[in-house]
Amino acid sequence: MEQKTSGQFDEQIKHCREIFQKKTHDYGTSWRILRLPSLTDQLFIKAQRIQTLEEKQTQMVDEGIEGEFIGLVNYAIIGLIQLELKDDKRTELPEVEALNLYDKKAQEIKKLMMAKNHDYGEAWRDMRVSSFTDLILMKLLRIKQIEDNKGKTLISEGIDAGYHDIVNYAIFALIKINENKN
């Protein structure tokens, strides 16, 4: 089963990367101007929209939940890139550099996911997509608190761990959405 999860992760991250690449081509790396709290707020808005759509089950804008989960993956990876490049003041990165950083973060995230997935025994497969949404929102509230505390924690993991978990929860949701389509 872990082999299946690995392949499904790769399939979903490949799709997210394709969108990231197209947007990077269209917009450059304009996201470099964003500070981490702004990225966290953008993630929060996307997750809150998903929760609203799940509860209301109707939508006024023709952009579904799947696209929002993809946005969560990409913005969380952007957050991880921003953390790595915190002392780099460039607002524009060459496309190839941005993609290499994306790939590096995606591999780190997958490695963590596979380790946790092994230890938790694929428990995520029995969860509802709405639970992933709630967990993402909880992680974002925690990240916001850590940001408000200037990054200082007494016992908790840092912002980067929260971003890692957000990507993994969003990927799990995308896998489940894709499985439900088939």
Protein backbone atom coordinates (compact mmCIF):
# COMPACT_ATOMS: atom_id res chain seq x y z
CA MET A 1 0.00 0.00 0.00
CA GLU A 2 2.89 2.40 0.74
CA GLN A 3 4.03 1.92 -2.87
CA LYS A 4 0.59 3.03 -4.04
CA THR A 5 0.74 6.09 -1.79
CA SER A 6 4.18 6.99 -3.11
CA GLY A 7 2.94 6.84 -6.70
CA GLN A 8 -0.21 8.81 -5.89
CA PHE A 9 1.85 11.47 -4.11
CA ASP A 10 4.11 11.76 -7.16
CA GLU A 11 1.11 12.05 -9.48
CA GLN A 12 -0.49 14.83 -7.44
CA ILE A 13 2.73 16.78 -6.84
CA LYS A 14 3.50 16.56 -10.57
CA HIS A 15 0.13 18.17 -11.35
CA CYS A 16 0.70 20.88 -8.71
CA ARG A 17 4.20 21.53 -10.11
CA GLU A 18 2.83 21.90 -13.64
CA ILE A 19 0.51 24.64 -12.43
CA PHE A 20 3.35 26.25 -10.44
CA GLN A 21 5.54 26.17 -13.56
CA LYS A 22 2.86 27.75 -15.78
CA LYS A 23 2.16 30.48 -13.24
CA THR A 24 5.89 31.10 -12.82
CA HIS A 25 6.14 31.46 -16.60
CA ASP A 26 3.19 33.90 -16.64
CA TYR A 27 3.95 35.91 -13.49
CA GLY A 28 7.59 35.26 -12.72
CA THR A 29 8.36 34.87 -9.05
CA SER A 30 6.30 37.86 -7.93
CA TRP A 31 5.54 35.85 -4.77
CA ARG A 32 9.07 36.64 -3.58
CA ILE A 33 7.73 39.99 -2.37
CA LEU A 34 5.43 38.24 0.14
CA ARG A 35 6.43 38.02 3.76
CA LEU A 36 5.64 34.76 5.57
CA PRO A 37 2.59 36.13 7.43
CA SER A 38 1.12 37.18 4.06
CA LEU A 39 1.66 33.67 2.69
CA THR A 40 0.09 32.20 5.81
CA ASP A 41 -2.92 34.50 5.35
CA GLN A 42 -3.21 33.46 1.69
CA LEU A 43 -3.18 29.80 2.77
CA PHE A 44 -5.78 30.57 5.43
CA ILE A 45 -8.09 32.21 2.87
CA LYS A 46 -7.85 29.18 0.57
CA ALA A 47 -8.48 26.69 3.39
CA GLN A 48 -11.38 28.74 4.72
CA ARG A 49 -12.94 28.84 1.24
CA ILE A 50 -12.69 25.05 1.05
CA GLN A 51 -14.40 24.73 4.42
CA THR A 52 -17.14 27.14 3.36
CA LEU A 53 -17.75 25.21 0.13
CA GLU A 54 -17.83 21.91 2.03
CA GLU A 55 -20.45 23.30 4.41
CA LYS A 56 -22.61 25.20 1.92
CA GLN A 57 -22.13 22.70 -0.93
CA THR A 58 -22.80 25.48 -3.43
CA GLN A 59 -20.41 27.97 -4.92
CA MET A 60 -20.73 31.32 -6.66
CA VAL A 61 -17.25 31.34 -8.28
CA ASP A 62 -16.42 28.61 -10.77
CA GLU A 63 -13.27 27.43 -9.00
CA GLY A 64 -13.69 24.20 -7.12
CA ILE A 65 -12.19 22.63 -4.06
CA GLU A 66 -9.58 20.68 -6.02
CA GLY A 67 -8.02 23.90 -7.34
CA GLU A 68 -7.91 25.31 -3.83
CA PHE A 69 -6.06 22.24 -2.52
CA ILE A 70 -3.57 22.64 -5.37
CA GLY A 71 -3.18 26.27 -4.31
CA LEU A 72 -2.53 25.14 -0.74
CA VAL A 73 0.22 22.80 -1.94
CA ASN A 74 1.87 25.46 -4.05
CA TYR A 75 1.62 28.31 -1.54
CA ALA A 76 2.95 26.12 1.28
CA ILE A 77 5.91 25.11 -0.90
CA ILE A 78 6.44 28.79 -1.72
CA GLY A 79 6.47 29.41 2.05
CA LEU A 80 9.16 26.78 2.49
CA ILE A 81 11.17 28.34 -0.33
CA GLN A 82 10.78 31.77 1.28
CA LEU A 83 12.05 30.35 4.59
CA GLU A 84 15.11 28.95 2.83
CA LEU A 85 15.76 32.20 0.95
CA LYS A 86 15.02 34.51 3.89
CA ASP A 87 18.33 36.37 3.49
CA ASP A 88 18.13 36.48 -0.32
CA LYS A 89 16.65 39.86 -1.29
CA ARG A 90 16.00 39.05 -4.96
CA THR A 91 12.38 39.54 -5.94
CA GLU A 92 12.84 37.66 -9.20
CA LEU A 93 14.34 34.19 -9.51
CA PRO A 94 15.16 32.49 -12.79
CA GLU A 95 12.38 30.01 -13.62
CA VAL A 96 14.77 27.06 -13.52
CA GLU A 97 15.97 28.04 -10.02
CA ALA A 98 12.38 28.38 -8.77
CA LEU A 99 11.52 24.95 -10.19
CA ASN A 100 14.63 23.37 -8.68
CA LEU A 101 13.72 24.82 -5.28
CA TYR A 102 10.14 23.55 -5.71
CA ASP A 103 11.43 20.05 -6.52
CA LYS A 104 13.80 20.09 -3.55
CA LYS A 105 10.98 21.03 -1.16
CA ALA A 106 8.61 18.48 -2.72
CA GLN A 107 11.18 15.72 -2.15
CA GLU A 108 11.70 16.78 1.49
CA ILE A 109 7.93 16.75 2.01
CA LYS A 110 7.52 13.34 0.39
CA LYS A 111 10.29 11.86 2.54
CA LEU A 112 8.55 13.11 5.69
CA MET A 113 5.16 11.90 4.44
CA MET A 114 6.48 8.41 3.72
CA ALA A 115 8.04 8.15 7.20
CA LYS A 116 4.86 9.35 8.93
CA ASN A 117 2.68 7.22 6.66
CA HIS A 118 4.69 4.15 7.64
CA ASP A 119 4.34 4.92 11.34
CA TYR A 120 0.63 5.77 11.15
CA GLY A 121 -0.22 2.81 8.93
CA GLU A 122 -2.01 4.72 6.15
CA ALA A 123 -4.58 6.06 8.64
CA TRP A 124 -5.27 9.01 6.34
CA ARG A 125 -7.06 6.68 3.92
CA ASP A 126 -9.91 6.35 6.43
CA MET A 127 -10.27 10.10 6.87
CA ARG A 128 -12.73 12.44 5.19
CA VAL A 129 -11.56 15.26 2.91
CA SER A 130 -13.29 17.69 5.29
CA SER A 131 -11.02 16.48 8.10
CA PHE A 132 -7.96 17.42 6.05
CA THR A 133 -9.48 20.87 5.61
CA ASP A 134 -9.95 21.25 9.36
CA LEU A 135 -6.44 19.99 10.11
CA ILE A 136 -5.00 22.47 7.61
CA LEU A 137 -6.93 25.31 9.24
CA MET A 138 -5.69 24.22 12.67
CA LYS A 139 -2.08 24.14 11.39
CA LEU A 140 -2.54 27.62 9.95
CA LEU A 141 -3.85 28.98 13.25
CA ARG A 142 -0.80 27.46 14.95
CA ILE A 143 1.52 29.00 12.35
CA LYS A 144 -0.14 32.39 12.82
CA GLN A 145 0.45 32.11 16.58
CA ILE A 146 4.11 31.20 16.03
CA GLU A 147 4.46 34.16 13.66
CA ASP A 148 2.85 36.44 16.26
CA ASN A 149 5.42 35.09 18.75
CA LYS A 150 8.23 36.10 16.35
CA GLY A 151 8.95 32.46 15.49
CA LYS A 152 9.69 31.45 19.06
CA THR A 153 8.24 28.23 20.47
CA LEU A 154 8.76 26.47 23.80
CA ILE A 155 8.07 22.91 22.74
CA SER A 156 6.42 22.97 19.33
CA GLU A 157 7.82 22.45 15.86
CA GLY A 158 8.37 25.54 13.76
CA ILE A 159 6.62 27.15 10.84
CA ASP A 160 8.38 24.88 8.35
CA ALA A 161 6.89 21.76 9.96
CA GLY A 162 3.43 23.31 9.69
CA TYR A 163 3.94 24.04 5.99
CA HIS A 164 5.15 20.45 5.44
CA ASP A 165 2.02 19.08 7.10
CA ILE A 166 -0.24 21.40 5.08
CA VAL A 167 1.24 20.09 1.83
CA ASN A 168 0.80 16.49 2.93
CA TYR A 169 -2.80 16.99 4.09
CA ALA A 170 -3.62 18.78 0.82
CA ILE A 171 -2.00 15.99 -1.22
CA PHE A 172 -4.00 13.39 0.73
CA ALA A 173 -7.17 15.36 0.00
CA LEU A 174 -6.30 15.52 -3.71
CA ILE A 175 -5.68 11.76 -3.77
CA LYS A 176 -9.05 11.11 -2.11
CA ILE A 177 -10.85 13.54 -4.45
CA ASN A 178 -9.23 11.82 -7.43
CA GLU A 179 -10.17 8.36 -6.12
CA ASN A 180 -13.78 9.49 -5.62
CA LYS A 181 -13.94 10.62 -9.26
CA ASN A 182 -12.94 7.17 -10.49
